[in-house]
C-alpha atoms as a PDB file:
ATOM      1  CA  MET A   1       1.380 -17.481  16.365  1.00  0.00           C
ATOM      2  CA  LYS A   2      -1.699 -16.987  14.224  1.00  0.00           C
ATOM      3  CA  PRO A   3      -2.551 -13.263  13.984  1.00  0.00           C
ATOM      4  CA  LYS A   4      -6.054 -12.197  14.888  1.00  0.00           C
ATOM      5  CA  PRO A   5      -8.370 -10.415  12.460  1.00  0.00           C
ATOM      6  CA  LEU A   6      -7.562  -6.714  12.381  1.00  0.00           C
ATOM      7  CA  LYS A   7     -10.086  -4.264  13.813  1.00  0.00           C
ATOM      8  CA  ILE A   8      -9.626  -0.571  13.015  1.00  0.00           C
ATOM      9  CA  ASP A   9     -12.372   1.344  14.785  1.00  0.00           C
ATOM     10  CA  ASN A  10     -15.557  -0.309  13.452  1.00  0.00           C
ATOM     11  CA  LEU A  11     -13.898  -1.871  10.398  1.00  0.00           C
ATOM     12  CA  LYS A  12     -13.086  -5.566  10.742  1.00  0.00           C
ATOM     13  CA  ILE A  13     -10.458  -6.970   8.376  1.00  0.00           C
ATOM     14  CA  ASP A  14     -10.470 -10.755   8.520  1.00  0.00           C
ATOM     15  CA  THR A  15      -6.979 -11.231   7.075  1.00  0.00           C
ATOM     16  CA  PRO A  16      -4.368  -8.799   8.480  1.00  0.00           C
ATOM     17  CA  LEU A  17      -2.502  -8.513   5.171  1.00  0.00           C
ATOM     18  CA  ILE A  18      -2.702  -5.146   3.420  1.00  0.00           C
ATOM     19  CA  LEU A  19      -1.716  -3.948  -0.044  1.00  0.00           C
ATOM     20  CA  ALA A  20       0.251  -0.734   0.404  1.00  0.00           C
ATOM     21  CA  PRO A  21      -0.591   2.431  -1.496  1.00  0.00           C
ATOM     22  CA  MET A  22       1.805   2.599  -4.474  1.00  0.00           C
ATOM     23  CA  CYS A  23       1.744   5.093  -7.324  1.00  0.00           C
ATOM     24  CA  ASP A  24       0.889   3.500 -10.688  1.00  0.00           C
ATOM     25  CA  VAL A  25       0.338   0.123  -9.005  1.00  0.00           C
ATOM     26  CA  SER A  26      -2.433   0.284  -6.398  1.00  0.00           C
ATOM     27  CA  ARG A  27      -5.245   1.064  -8.797  1.00  0.00           C
ATOM     28  CA  ALA A  28      -8.634  -0.627  -8.864  1.00  0.00           C
ATOM     29  CA  PRO A  29      -7.774  -3.554 -11.199  1.00  0.00           C
ATOM     30  CA  TYR A  30      -4.701  -4.577  -9.224  1.00  0.00           C
ATOM     31  CA  ARG A  31      -6.328  -3.952  -5.857  1.00  0.00           C
ATOM     32  CA  LEU A  32      -9.196  -6.243  -6.821  1.00  0.00           C
ATOM     33  CA  LEU A  33      -6.768  -8.943  -7.940  1.00  0.00           C
ATOM     34  CA  CYS A  34      -4.816  -8.758  -4.674  1.00  0.00           C
ATOM     35  CA  LYS A  35      -8.052  -8.957  -2.693  1.00  0.00           C
ATOM     36  CA  GLU A  36      -8.952 -12.133  -4.590  1.00  0.00           C
ATOM     37  CA  PHE A  37      -5.532 -13.572  -3.757  1.00  0.00           C
ATOM     38  CA  GLY A  38      -5.993 -12.963  -0.043  1.00  0.00           C
ATOM     39  CA  ALA A  39      -5.297  -9.341   0.878  1.00  0.00           C
ATOM     40  CA  GLY A  40      -7.698  -8.301   3.619  1.00  0.00           C
ATOM     41  CA  LEU A  41      -7.507  -4.647   2.639  1.00  0.00           C
ATOM     42  CA  ALA A  42      -6.037  -2.663  -0.240  1.00  0.00           C
ATOM     43  CA  TYR A  43      -5.291   1.044  -0.342  1.00  0.00           C
ATOM     44  CA  SER A  44      -5.428   3.265  -3.397  1.00  0.00           C
ATOM     45  CA  GLU A  45      -2.362   4.951  -4.760  1.00  0.00           C
ATOM     46  CA  MET A  46      -1.667   8.284  -3.083  1.00  0.00           C
ATOM     47  CA  LEU A  47      -4.290  10.895  -3.984  1.00  0.00           C
ATOM     48  CA  GLU A  48      -3.012  14.482  -3.979  1.00  0.00           C
ATOM     49  CA  ALA A  49      -5.503  16.864  -2.395  1.00  0.00           C
ATOM     50  CA  GLY A  50      -4.314  19.815  -4.475  1.00  0.00           C
ATOM     51  CA  LYS A  51      -4.802  17.999  -7.774  1.00  0.00           C
ATOM     52  CA  PHE A  52      -8.352  17.062  -6.900  1.00  0.00           C
ATOM     53  CA  LYS A  53      -9.681  20.534  -7.678  1.00  0.00           C
ATOM     54  CA  MET A  54      -8.049  20.430 -11.124  1.00  0.00           C
ATOM     55  CA  ASP A  55      -9.121  16.986 -12.323  1.00  0.00           C
ATOM     56  CA  ARG A  56     -11.749  15.111 -10.339  1.00  0.00           C
ATOM     57  CA  LYS A  57     -11.965  12.229 -12.815  1.00  0.00           C
ATOM     58  CA  GLN A  58      -8.602  10.827 -11.767  1.00  0.00           C
ATOM     59  CA  PHE A  59      -9.998  10.161  -8.300  1.00  0.00           C
ATOM     60  CA  ASP A  60     -12.918   8.045  -9.511  1.00  0.00           C
ATOM     61  CA  ASP A  61     -11.031   4.783  -9.114  1.00  0.00           C
ATOM     62  CA  PHE A  62     -13.103   2.785  -6.638  1.00  0.00           C
ATOM     63  CA  ILE A  63     -15.408  -0.139  -7.376  1.00  0.00           C
ATOM     64  CA  GLU A  64     -17.946  -1.921  -5.213  1.00  0.00           C
ATOM     65  CA  GLU A  65     -16.438  -5.366  -5.837  1.00  0.00           C
ATOM     66  CA  GLU A  66     -13.215  -4.546  -3.994  1.00  0.00           C
ATOM     67  CA  ARG A  67     -14.694  -3.360  -0.698  1.00  0.00           C
ATOM     68  CA  PRO A  68     -13.531  -2.970   1.959  1.00  0.00           C
ATOM     69  CA  VAL A  69     -11.079  -0.607   0.296  1.00  0.00           C
ATOM     70  CA  GLY A  70      -9.012   2.309   1.530  1.00  0.00           C
ATOM     71  CA  ALA A  71      -7.927   5.610   0.039  1.00  0.00           C
ATOM     72  CA  GLN A  72      -4.616   7.233   0.830  1.00  0.00           C
ATOM     73  CA  ILE A  73      -4.488  11.020   0.741  1.00  0.00           C
ATOM     74  CA  VAL A  74      -1.590  13.472   0.845  1.00  0.00           C
ATOM     75  CA  GLY A  75      -1.403  17.227   1.273  1.00  0.00           C
ATOM     76  CA  ASN A  76      -0.945  19.995   3.814  1.00  0.00           C
ATOM     77  CA  ASN A  77      -3.887  22.292   3.083  1.00  0.00           C
ATOM     78  CA  ALA A  78      -6.919  21.452   5.193  1.00  0.00           C
ATOM     79  CA  ASP A  79      -9.434  22.936   2.744  1.00  0.00           C
ATOM     80  CA  ASN A  80      -8.047  20.917  -0.166  1.00  0.00           C
ATOM     81  CA  ILE A  81      -7.971  17.767   1.945  1.00  0.00           C
ATOM     82  CA  LYS A  82     -11.555  18.338   3.034  1.00  0.00           C
ATOM     83  CA  SER A  83     -12.732  18.686  -0.589  1.00  0.00           C
ATOM     84  CA  LEU A  84     -11.029  15.426  -1.496  1.00  0.00           C
ATOM     85  CA  VAL A  85     -12.313  13.534   1.540  1.00  0.00           C
ATOM     86  CA  GLU A  86     -15.902  14.672   1.003  1.00  0.00           C
ATOM     87  CA  SER A  87     -15.760  13.404  -2.575  1.00  0.00           C
ATOM     88  CA  ILE A  88     -14.435   9.926  -1.834  1.00  0.00           C
ATOM     89  CA  GLN A  89     -15.538   8.863   1.630  1.00  0.00           C
ATOM     90  CA  ASP A  90     -18.803   7.330   0.426  1.00  0.00           C
ATOM     91  CA  LYS A  91     -16.799   5.122  -1.980  1.00  0.00           C
ATOM     92  CA  VAL A  92     -14.258   3.790   0.511  1.00  0.00           C
ATOM     93  CA  ASP A  93     -14.218   2.258   3.980  1.00  0.00           C
ATOM     94  CA  ILE A  94     -11.070   3.765   5.503  1.00  0.00           C
ATOM     95  CA  ILE A  95      -8.779   6.719   4.804  1.00  0.00           C
ATOM     96  CA  ASP A  96      -5.024   6.882   5.319  1.00  0.00           C
ATOM     97  CA  PHE A  97      -3.005  10.102   5.600  1.00  0.00           C
ATOM     98  CA  ASN A  98       0.419   9.890   3.959  1.00  0.00           C
ATOM     99  CA  ALA A  99       3.129  11.238   6.234  1.00  0.00           C
ATOM    100  CA  GLY A 100       5.906   8.975   5.004  1.00  0.00           C
ATOM    101  CA  CYS A 101       6.577   9.393   1.270  1.00  0.00           C
ATOM    102  CA  SER A 102      10.316  10.050   0.892  1.00  0.00           C
ATOM    103  CA  LYS A 103      10.264  11.493  -2.630  1.00  0.00           C
ATOM    104  CA  ARG A 104      12.089  14.817  -2.721  1.00  0.00           C
ATOM    105  CA  ARG A 105       9.355  16.705  -4.527  1.00  0.00           C
ATOM    106  CA  TYR A 106       6.936  15.956  -1.702  1.00  0.00           C
ATOM    107  CA  ILE A 107       9.453  16.749   1.017  1.00  0.00           C
ATOM    108  CA  ALA A 108      10.131  20.114  -0.663  1.00  0.00           C
ATOM    109  CA  ARG A 109       6.407  20.922  -0.556  1.00  0.00           C
ATOM    110  CA  LYS A 110       6.192  19.932   3.124  1.00  0.00           C
ATOM    111  CA  TRP A 111       4.049  16.924   2.247  1.00  0.00           C
ATOM    112  CA  GLY A 112       4.402  13.209   2.881  1.00  0.00           C
ATOM    113  CA  GLY A 113       7.606  12.260   4.672  1.00  0.00           C
ATOM    114  CA  TRP A 114       8.264  15.860   5.715  1.00  0.00           C
ATOM    115  CA  PHE A 115       5.690  15.277   8.435  1.00  0.00           C
ATOM    116  CA  SER A 116       7.693  12.314   9.801  1.00  0.00           C
ATOM    117  CA  GLY A 117      10.320  14.836  10.886  1.00  0.00           C
ATOM    118  CA  HIS A 118       7.857  17.477  12.083  1.00  0.00           C
ATOM    119  CA  PRO A 119       5.444  15.744  14.468  1.00  0.00           C
ATOM    120  CA  GLU A 120       3.832  18.921  15.812  1.00  0.00           C
ATOM    121  CA  GLU A 121       2.896  20.054  12.300  1.00  0.00           C
ATOM    122  CA  LEU A 122       1.638  16.555  11.567  1.00  0.00           C
ATOM    123  CA  GLY A 123      -0.515  16.745  14.672  1.00  0.00           C
ATOM    124  CA  LYS A 124      -2.081  20.001  13.502  1.00  0.00           C
ATOM    125  CA  ILE A 125      -3.095  18.724  10.056  1.00  0.00           C
ATOM    126  CA  LEU A 126      -4.255  15.361  11.428  1.00  0.00           C
ATOM    127  CA  SER A 127      -6.428  17.101  14.009  1.00  0.00           C
ATOM    128  CA  LYS A 128      -8.138  19.114  11.272  1.00  0.00           C
ATOM    129  CA  THR A 129      -8.474  16.045   9.064  1.00  0.00           C
ATOM    130  CA  ARG A 130      -9.979  14.010  11.904  1.00  0.00           C
ATOM    131  CA  ASP A 131     -12.763  16.599  12.210  1.00  0.00           C
ATOM    132  CA  PHE A 132     -14.179  15.925   8.736  1.00  0.00           C
ATOM    133  CA  VAL A 133     -13.333  12.250   8.166  1.00  0.00           C
ATOM    134  CA  ASN A 134     -16.325  10.139   9.176  1.00  0.00           C
ATOM    135  CA  LEU A 135     -14.519   6.855   8.532  1.00  0.00           C
ATOM    136  CA  PRO A 136     -11.675   5.083  10.309  1.00  0.00           C
ATOM    137  CA  LEU A 137      -8.594   7.276   9.829  1.00  0.00           C
ATOM    138  CA  THR A 138      -5.051   5.914   9.778  1.00  0.00           C
ATOM    139  CA  VAL A 139      -1.673   7.498   9.149  1.00  0.00           C
ATOM    140  CA  LYS A 140       1.351   6.048   7.357  1.00  0.00           C
ATOM    141  CA  VAL A 141       4.686   7.357   8.586  1.00  0.00           C
ATOM    142  CA  ARG A 142       8.390   6.651   8.755  1.00  0.00           C
ATOM    143  CA  LEU A 143      10.480   6.544  11.930  1.00  0.00           C
ATOM    144  CA  GLY A 144      11.617  10.160  11.560  1.00  0.00           C
ATOM    145  CA  MET A 145      13.791  12.171   9.193  1.00  0.00           C
ATOM    146  CA  ASN A 146      17.045  10.489  10.238  1.00  0.00           C
ATOM    147  CA  ARG A 147      18.407   8.116  12.854  1.00  0.00           C
ATOM    148  CA  LYS A 148      19.470  10.976  15.140  1.00  0.00           C
ATOM    149  CA  GLU A 149      15.867  12.097  15.466  1.00  0.00           C
ATOM    150  CA  PRO A 150      13.485   9.125  15.820  1.00  0.00           C
ATOM    151  CA  GLU A 151      10.301  11.171  16.059  1.00  0.00           C
ATOM    152  CA  ILE A 152       8.048   8.138  15.867  1.00  0.00           C
ATOM    153  CA  PHE A 153       7.254   7.954  19.595  1.00  0.00           C
ATOM    154  CA  ARG A 154       6.050  11.563  19.630  1.00  0.00           C
ATOM    155  CA  ILE A 155       4.070  10.902  16.443  1.00  0.00           C
ATOM    156  CA  LEU A 156       2.414   7.885  18.061  1.00  0.00           C
ATOM    157  CA  GLU A 157       1.506   9.944  21.138  1.00  0.00           C
ATOM    158  CA  LEU A 158      -0.057  12.672  18.992  1.00  0.00           C
ATOM    159  CA  CYS A 159      -1.973  10.160  16.883  1.00  0.00           C
ATOM    160  CA  GLU A 160      -3.464   8.547  19.964  1.00  0.00           C
ATOM    161  CA  ASP A 161      -4.437  11.922  21.444  1.00  0.00           C
ATOM    162  CA  ILE A 162      -6.088  13.059  18.192  1.00  0.00           C
ATOM    163  CA  GLY A 163      -8.085   9.874  17.718  1.00  0.00           C
ATOM    164  CA  ILE A 164      -6.238   8.282  14.815  1.00  0.00           C
ATOM    165  CA  ASP A 165      -7.468   4.696  14.599  1.00  0.00           C
ATOM    166  CA  ALA A 166      -4.255   2.905  13.536  1.00  0.00           C
ATOM    167  CA  ILE A 167      -0.713   3.712  12.473  1.00  0.00           C
ATOM    168  CA  ALA A 168       1.198   2.091   9.610  1.00  0.00           C
ATOM    169  CA  ILE A 169       4.940   2.419  10.085  1.00  0.00           C
ATOM    170  CA  HIS A 170       7.505   2.040   7.331  1.00  0.00           C
ATOM    171  CA  ALA A 171      10.398   1.083   9.588  1.00  0.00           C
ATOM    172  CA  ARG A 172      12.982   3.293   7.904  1.00  0.00           C
ATOM    173  CA  PHE A 173      13.954   6.938   8.203  1.00  0.00           C
ATOM    174  CA  VAL A 174      13.016   9.383   5.456  1.00  0.00           C
ATOM    175  CA  ALA A 175      16.627  10.335   4.713  1.00  0.00           C
ATOM    176  CA  HIS A 176      17.564   6.687   4.150  1.00  0.00           C
ATOM    177  CA  ASN A 177      14.854   6.143   1.520  1.00  0.00           C
ATOM    178  CA  TYR A 178      15.274   2.378   0.841  1.00  0.00           C
ATOM    179  CA  LEU A 179      19.034   2.133   1.477  1.00  0.00           C
ATOM    180  CA  ASP A 180      18.995   0.622   4.971  1.00  0.00           C
ATOM    181  CA  LYS A 181      17.153  -2.440   6.174  1.00  0.00           C
ATOM    182  CA  ALA A 182      13.841  -1.830   7.882  1.00  0.00           C
ATOM    183  CA  ASP A 183      14.375  -1.508  11.643  1.00  0.00           C
ATOM    184  CA  TRP A 184      11.990  -4.089  13.019  1.00  0.00           C
ATOM    185  CA  ASN A 185      13.628  -3.899  16.471  1.00  0.00           C
ATOM    186  CA  LEU A 186      12.526  -0.282  16.832  1.00  0.00           C
ATOM    187  CA  LEU A 187       9.142  -1.223  15.420  1.00  0.00           C
ATOM    188  CA  LYS A 188       8.706  -3.763  18.226  1.00  0.00           C
ATOM    189  CA  LYS A 189       9.484  -1.078  20.825  1.00  0.00           C
ATOM    190  CA  ILE A 190       6.807   1.112  19.282  1.00  0.00           C
ATOM    191  CA  LYS A 191       4.282  -1.711  19.278  1.00  0.00           C
ATOM    192  CA  ASP A 192       5.026  -2.437  22.935  1.00  0.00           C
ATOM    193  CA  VAL A 193       3.826   1.033  23.995  1.00  0.00           C
ATOM    194  CA  ALA A 194       1.100   1.621  21.395  1.00  0.00           C
ATOM    195  CA  ASN A 195      -2.571   1.801  22.316  1.00  0.00           C
ATOM    196  CA  ILE A 196      -3.771   1.677  18.711  1.00  0.00           C
ATOM    197  CA  PRO A 197      -3.156  -1.013  16.070  1.00  0.00           C
ATOM    198  CA  VAL A 198       0.328  -0.956  14.549  1.00  0.00           C
ATOM    199  CA  ILE A 199       0.780  -2.035  10.936  1.00  0.00           C
ATOM    200  CA  ALA A 200       4.301  -3.099   9.948  1.00  0.00           C
ATOM    201  CA  ASN A 201       5.719  -2.023   6.587  1.00  0.00           C
ATOM    202  CA  GLY A 202       9.149  -2.369   5.021  1.00  0.00           C
ATOM    203  CA  ASP A 203      11.149  -5.341   3.684  1.00  0.00           C
ATOM    204  CA  ILE A 204       8.177  -7.695   3.430  1.00  0.00           C
ATOM    205  CA  PHE A 205       8.694  -9.485   0.136  1.00  0.00           C
ATOM    206  CA  SER A 206       7.489 -13.013   0.857  1.00  0.00           C
ATOM    207  CA  ALA A 207       5.269 -15.154   3.039  1.00  0.00           C
ATOM    208  CA  LYS A 208       8.299 -15.939   5.182  1.00  0.00           C
ATOM    209  CA  ASP A 209       8.930 -12.217   5.703  1.00  0.00           C
ATOM    210  CA  ALA A 210       5.300 -11.677   6.690  1.00  0.00           C
ATOM    211  CA  VAL A 211       5.451 -14.423   9.315  1.00  0.00           C
ATOM    212  CA  ARG A 212       8.718 -13.037  10.664  1.00  0.00           C
ATOM    213  CA  ALA A 213       7.265  -9.519  10.861  1.00  0.00           C
ATOM    214  CA  PHE A 214       4.393 -10.744  13.032  1.00  0.00           C
ATOM    215  CA  GLN A 215       6.713 -12.806  15.224  1.00  0.00           C
ATOM    216  CA  GLU A 216       9.475 -10.231  15.687  1.00  0.00           C
ATOM    217  CA  THR A 217       7.418  -7.058  16.060  1.00  0.00           C
ATOM    218  CA  GLY A 218       4.111  -8.260  17.493  1.00  0.00           C
ATOM    219  CA  CYS A 219       2.391  -6.040  14.937  1.00  0.00           C
ATOM    220  CA  ASP A 220      -1.338  -6.215  14.318  1.00  0.00           C
ATOM    221  CA  ALA A 221      -1.022  -6.412  10.519  1.00  0.00           C
ATOM    222  CA  VAL A 222       1.558  -6.217   7.765  1.00  0.00           C
ATOM    223  CA  MET A 223       1.426  -3.900   4.784  1.00  0.00           C
ATOM    224  CA  ILE A 224       3.131  -5.174   1.635  1.00  0.00           C
ATOM    225  CA  GLY A 225       4.379  -2.738  -0.987  1.00  0.00           C
ATOM    226  CA  ARG A 226       7.205  -3.521  -3.406  1.00  0.00           C
ATOM    227  CA  GLY A 227       6.929  -7.215  -2.580  1.00  0.00           C
ATOM    228  CA  ALA A 228       3.436  -7.218  -4.085  1.00  0.00           C
ATOM    229  CA  MET A 229       4.345  -5.620  -7.416  1.00  0.00           C
ATOM    230  CA  GLY A 230       3.338  -8.164 -10.052  1.00  0.00           C
ATOM    231  CA  ASN A 231       3.119 -10.668  -7.233  1.00  0.00           C
ATOM    232  CA  PRO A 232      -0.407 -11.115  -5.866  1.00  0.00           C
ATOM    233  CA  PHE A 233       0.774 -14.576  -4.798  1.00  0.00           C
ATOM    234  CA  VAL A 234       2.493 -12.971  -1.807  1.00  0.00           C
ATOM    235  CA  PHE A 235      -0.961 -12.582  -0.255  1.00  0.00           C
ATOM    236  CA  SER A 236      -2.186 -16.125  -0.921  1.00  0.00           C
ATOM    237  CA  ASP A 237       1.135 -17.523   0.301  1.00  0.00           C
ATOM    238  CA  ALA A 238       1.236 -15.308   3.394  1.00  0.00           C
ATOM    239  CA  LYS A 239      -2.376 -16.107   4.256  1.00  0.00           C
ATOM    240  CA  LEU A 240      -1.457 -19.799   4.371  1.00  0.00           C
ATOM    241  CA  ALA A 241       1.820 -19.154   6.182  1.00  0.00           C
ATOM    242  CA  ILE A 242       0.360 -17.095   9.036  1.00  0.00           C
ATOM    243  CA  ALA A 243      -2.247 -19.818   9.531  1.00  0.00           C
ATOM    244  CA  GLY A 244       0.578 -22.325   9.956  1.00  0.00           C
ATOM    245  CA  LYS A 245      -0.154 -24.083   6.665  1.00  0.00           C
ATOM    246  CA  ASP A 246       2.158 -25.113   3.854  1.00  0.00           C
ATOM    247  CA  TYR A 247       2.392 -22.761   0.899  1.00  0.00           C
ATOM    248  CA  PRO A 248       4.045 -22.969  -2.546  1.00  0.00           C
ATOM    249  CA  LYS A 249       7.721 -22.025  -2.497  1.00  0.00           C
ATOM    250  CA  GLU A 250       7.565 -20.702  -6.049  1.00  0.00           C
ATOM    251  CA  HIS A 251       5.071 -19.966  -8.796  1.00  0.00           C
ATOM    252  CA  SER A 252       5.560 -21.014 -12.400  1.00  0.00           C
ATOM    253  CA  LEU A 253       5.562 -18.679 -15.366  1.00  0.00           C
ATOM    254  CA  GLU A 254       2.244 -20.210 -16.400  1.00  0.00           C
ATOM    255  CA  GLU A 255       0.700 -19.290 -13.038  1.00  0.00           C
ATOM    256  CA  ARG A 256       2.108 -15.782 -13.269  1.00  0.00           C
ATOM    257  CA  LEU A 257       0.811 -15.218 -16.784  1.00  0.00           C
ATOM    258  CA  SER A 258      -2.588 -16.571 -15.801  1.00  0.00           C
ATOM    259  CA  ALA A 259      -2.708 -14.004 -12.986  1.00  0.00           C
ATOM    260  CA  PHE A 260      -1.594 -11.273 -15.395  1.00  0.00           C
ATOM    261  CA  SER A 261      -4.359 -12.266 -17.794  1.00  0.00           C
ATOM    262  CA  ARG A 262      -6.860 -11.874 -14.968  1.00  0.00           C
ATOM    263  CA  PHE A 263      -5.404  -8.481 -14.122  1.00  0.00           C
ATOM    264  CA  LEU A 264      -5.700  -7.429 -17.764  1.00  0.00           C
ATOM    265  CA  SER A 265      -9.379  -8.345 -17.870  1.00  0.00           C
ATOM    266  CA  TYR A 266      -9.988  -6.174 -14.792  1.00  0.00           C
ATOM    267  CA  TYR A 267      -7.893  -3.399 -16.297  1.00  0.00           C
ATOM    268  CA  LYS A 268     -10.034  -3.310 -19.423  1.00  0.00           C
ATOM    269  CA  LYS A 269     -13.223  -3.401 -17.380  1.00  0.00           C
ATOM    270  CA  TYR A 270     -12.439  -0.903 -14.635  1.00  0.00           C
ATOM    271  CA  SER A 271      -9.620   1.479 -15.606  1.00  0.00           C
ATOM    272  CA  GLN A 272     -10.742   5.041 -16.153  1.00  0.00           C
ATOM    273  CA  LYS A 273      -7.652   5.842 -18.203  1.00  0.00           C
ATOM    274  CA  GLN A 274      -6.105   2.981 -20.167  1.00  0.00           C
ATOM    275  CA  ASN A 275      -2.449   3.185 -21.084  1.00  0.00           C
ATOM    276  CA  PHE A 276      -0.458   0.521 -22.936  1.00  0.00           C
ATOM    277  CA  ALA A 277       2.740   1.540 -21.127  1.00  0.00           C
ATOM    278  CA  GLU A 278       1.030   0.666 -17.853  1.00  0.00           C
ATOM    279  CA  ILE A 279       0.011  -2.741 -19.217  1.00  0.00           C
ATOM    280  CA  LYS A 280       3.611  -3.431 -20.289  1.00  0.00           C
ATOM    281  CA  ALA A 281       4.914  -2.420 -16.885  1.00  0.00           C
ATOM    282  CA  GLN A 282       2.529  -4.827 -15.192  1.00  0.00           C
ATOM    283  CA  ALA A 283       3.448  -7.618 -17.624  1.00  0.00           C
ATOM    284  CA  THR A 284       7.101  -7.073 -16.761  1.00  0.00           C
ATOM    285  CA  TRP A 285       6.480  -7.173 -13.017  1.00  0.00           C
ATOM    286  CA  PHE A 286       4.409 -10.353 -13.285  1.00  0.00           C
ATOM    287  CA  THR A 287       7.296 -12.244 -14.907  1.00  0.00           C
ATOM    288  CA  VAL A 288       9.907 -11.260 -12.307  1.00  0.00           C
ATOM    289  CA  GLY A 289      10.831 -14.254 -10.182  1.00  0.00           C
ATOM    290  CA  ALA A 290      10.084 -16.905 -12.777  1.00  0.00           C
ATOM    291  CA  PRO A 291      13.284 -18.631 -13.968  1.00  0.00           C
ATOM    292  CA  GLY A 292      14.617 -17.901 -17.440  1.00  0.00           C
ATOM    293  CA  THR A 293      12.451 -14.855 -18.090  1.00  0.00           C
ATOM    294  CA  ARG A 294      15.060 -12.131 -18.617  1.00  0.00           C
ATOM    295  CA  LYS A 295      14.768 -12.319 -22.414  1.00  0.00           C
ATOM    296  CA  LEU A 296      10.987 -12.374 -22.114  1.00  0.00           C
ATOM    297  CA  ARG A 297      11.081  -9.065 -20.254  1.00  0.00           C
ATOM    298  CA  VAL A 298      13.283  -7.558 -22.953  1.00  0.00           C
ATOM    299  CA  ASP A 299      10.775  -8.696 -25.571  1.00  0.00           C
ATOM    300  CA  ILE A 300       7.889  -7.257 -23.543  1.00  0.00           C
ATOM    301  CA  GLN A 301       9.512  -3.831 -23.699  1.00  0.00           C
ATOM    302  CA  LYS A 302       9.720  -4.096 -27.498  1.00  0.00           C
ATOM    303  CA  ALA A 303       5.976  -4.667 -27.890  1.00  0.00           C
ATOM    304  CA  LYS A 304       4.277  -1.769 -29.665  1.00  0.00           C
ATOM    305  CA  ASN A 305       0.677  -2.731 -28.964  1.00  0.00           C
ATOM    306  CA  GLU A 306      -1.450  -5.219 -27.070  1.00  0.00           C
ATOM    307  CA  ASP A 307      -1.588  -7.744 -29.918  1.00  0.00           C
ATOM    308  CA  GLU A 308       2.208  -7.918 -30.026  1.00  0.00           C
ATOM    309  CA  LEU A 309       2.354  -8.271 -26.253  1.00  0.00           C
ATOM    310  CA  MET A 310      -0.171 -11.115 -26.248  1.00  0.00           C
ATOM    311  CA  HIS A 311       1.842 -12.865 -28.963  1.00  0.00           C
ATOM    312  CA  ILE A 312       5.045 -12.510 -26.931  1.00  0.00           C
ATOM    313  CA  LEU A 313       3.339 -13.859 -23.810  1.00  0.00           C
ATOM    314  CA  LYS A 314       1.548 -16.560 -25.812  1.00  0.00           C
ATOM    315  CA  LEU A 315      -1.794 -15.433 -24.420  1.00  0.00           C
ATOM    316  CA  GLY A 316      -5.058 -15.167 -26.288  1.00  0.00           C
ATOM    317  CA  SER A 317      -6.156 -11.591 -26.862  1.00  0.00           C
END
């Protein structure tokens, strides 16, 4: 089964493979790299509506070369969300509302994943958000707070009534964080009754996983998070796989370092705030999966500056 291009309202996404919003990962340089490797759409890391009023510069992370691009927002105050949306919606093509983040500090503030367990409250804030978002609007949720209360069907009903254009579902419960396997069986049941596009998320680490997600859930697209960290190849491989074509079963260290070098050039060109610790983290992620690289990752962590890192990786500065 070859998936069709994804259409979310008036936005057509030729390849239904999406880079998930991830803090410290889904920034402009890495989004652009993943788009070049085959992602049809990439979302920004989660943008906190409350922080926007304090430091607007941190939200200026979008570049023309990566479009179409999405922004993910989080919050529970409509005025703060409106201020953020009005600032960014001319720079992006789609906006996603985070109702699935399972981090405790967000749950405590009644943000993110808290909404996955409180569908009526989610409906209220989404209705207000829909009023001032002039772009396609999606929501990313989990199945509910815990297995006893799978709120996802009520959430889907509310989203459809409000006019949400698509729903991305991390097929786990908030309370389980990442401990259980993603429940693709429940995801299929949701897809079977949905009247808006359903984007599958959770436990997609490879091209094989992406194909299986389409086959087992009937989803309209897959969203790849942790499986894409330091691994833009997951998009090029999955793009071939869902088209029924052969794809590489592994990628050499040389290929990985070449991709990292490309990322680094984008980082230097586009990052608003450059941080060597962030570069080291990316270098570490890019080497994961290549055989015999454990010592290399230890050495990467010892690097004190970019020159030392380039020497360790045997890359030209």
